[in-house]
């Protein structure tokens, strides 16, 4: 689910990227998701490689952390997946 979200974002498929969002995440409309995703390279540099994801389980949820390279910076994309197969959280932040 996390890989699909990131793949959809990379391909500009913003409605598809948010298709698995839970009710709370639906406030992140395709337009907002597009704005957010397209501003990252402006702030951090061109999007490059994606490293292997790490999986952590917490409170019954799968938390997938995927390092993304932006220019000379590395950010973590964090996607929280519920047991019901929905995305209940999505954050991208620079690694220290």
Protein backbone atom coordinates (compact mmCIF):
# COMPACT_ATOMS: atom_id res chain seq x y z
CA UNK A 1 0.00 0.00 0.00
CA UNK A 2 2.84 2.38 0.82
CA UNK A 3 4.65 1.62 -2.44
CA UNK A 4 1.45 2.17 -4.42
CA UNK A 5 0.92 5.54 -2.75
CA UNK A 6 4.46 6.67 -3.56
CA UNK A 7 4.28 5.27 -7.10
CA UNK A 8 1.00 7.10 -7.72
CA UNK A 9 2.49 10.34 -6.41
CA UNK A 10 5.57 9.91 -8.60
CA UNK A 11 3.31 9.50 -11.65
CA UNK A 12 1.04 12.43 -10.82
CA UNK A 13 -1.91 10.15 -10.09
CA UNK A 14 -3.11 12.11 -7.06
CA UNK A 15 -6.68 10.78 -6.93
CA UNK A 16 -5.36 7.21 -7.10
CA UNK A 17 -2.76 8.03 -4.44
CA UNK A 18 -5.50 8.96 -1.99
CA UNK A 19 -7.87 6.14 -2.89
CA UNK A 20 -6.93 4.09 0.19
CA UNK A 21 -7.05 7.00 2.66
CA UNK A 22 -9.30 6.53 5.67
CA UNK A 23 -12.00 9.07 6.50
CA UNK A 24 -9.63 11.27 8.50
CA UNK A 25 -7.06 11.34 5.70
CA UNK A 26 -9.65 12.21 3.03
CA UNK A 27 -9.19 15.88 4.01
CA UNK A 28 -6.01 15.55 1.96
CA UNK A 29 -7.80 16.00 -1.38
CA UNK A 30 -6.06 15.19 -4.67
CA UNK A 31 -5.41 18.92 -5.13
CA UNK A 32 -3.83 19.27 -1.69
CA UNK A 33 -1.84 16.10 -2.19
CA UNK A 34 -0.55 17.43 -5.52
CA UNK A 35 0.40 20.76 -4.00
CA UNK A 36 2.21 19.06 -1.11
CA UNK A 37 4.07 16.56 -3.31
CA UNK A 38 5.13 19.09 -5.94
CA UNK A 39 6.51 21.50 -3.32
CA UNK A 40 8.95 18.95 -1.89
CA UNK A 41 11.44 19.12 -4.81
CA UNK A 42 11.17 22.91 -4.77
CA UNK A 43 12.28 22.90 -1.13
CA UNK A 44 14.70 19.98 -1.05
CA UNK A 45 15.92 19.31 -4.60
CA UNK A 46 14.98 16.94 -7.39
CA UNK A 47 13.40 13.65 -6.38
CA UNK A 48 15.78 10.81 -7.05
CA UNK A 49 16.12 7.26 -5.81
CA UNK A 50 13.90 5.53 -3.31
CA UNK A 51 15.63 3.22 -0.81
CA UNK A 52 14.19 -0.01 0.57
CA UNK A 53 11.30 0.47 2.97
CA UNK A 54 11.35 -0.59 6.61
CA UNK A 55 8.28 -1.97 8.34
CA UNK A 56 7.42 -1.33 11.98
CA UNK A 57 4.25 -2.55 13.65
CA UNK A 58 2.59 -0.48 16.34
CA UNK A 59 -0.89 -0.69 17.85
CA UNK A 60 -1.95 -3.15 15.16
CA UNK A 61 -0.91 -0.83 12.34
CA UNK A 62 1.88 -1.28 9.82
CA UNK A 63 4.14 1.76 9.68
CA UNK A 64 6.21 1.82 6.52
CA UNK A 65 9.23 4.14 6.39
CA UNK A 66 10.72 4.70 2.95
CA UNK A 67 13.83 6.86 2.48
CA UNK A 68 13.50 9.22 -0.50
CA UNK A 69 16.42 11.11 -2.03
CA UNK A 70 15.87 14.76 -2.91
CA UNK A 71 19.03 16.28 -4.36
CA UNK A 72 21.67 15.85 -1.65
CA UNK A 73 19.05 15.35 1.08
CA UNK A 74 17.27 12.24 2.29
CA UNK A 75 13.71 12.34 3.58
CA UNK A 76 11.57 9.64 5.16
CA UNK A 77 8.12 8.98 3.78
CA UNK A 78 6.08 7.47 6.60
CA UNK A 79 2.83 5.70 5.71
CA UNK A 80 0.57 4.24 8.40
CA UNK A 81 -1.57 1.34 7.18
CA UNK A 82 -4.48 -0.03 9.21
CA UNK A 83 -5.47 -3.69 9.47
CA UNK A 84 -8.57 -2.73 7.44
CA UNK A 85 -6.33 -1.89 4.48
CA UNK A 86 -6.56 1.88 4.71
CA UNK A 87 -3.94 4.59 5.02
CA UNK A 88 -4.42 6.49 8.26
CA UNK A 89 -1.27 8.60 8.16
CA UNK A 90 1.21 10.02 5.68
CA UNK A 91 4.18 12.25 6.48
CA UNK A 92 7.40 13.20 4.73
CA UNK A 93 10.25 14.74 6.69
CA UNK A 94 13.98 15.24 6.25
CA UNK A 95 16.34 12.92 8.03
CA UNK A 96 18.60 14.73 10.49
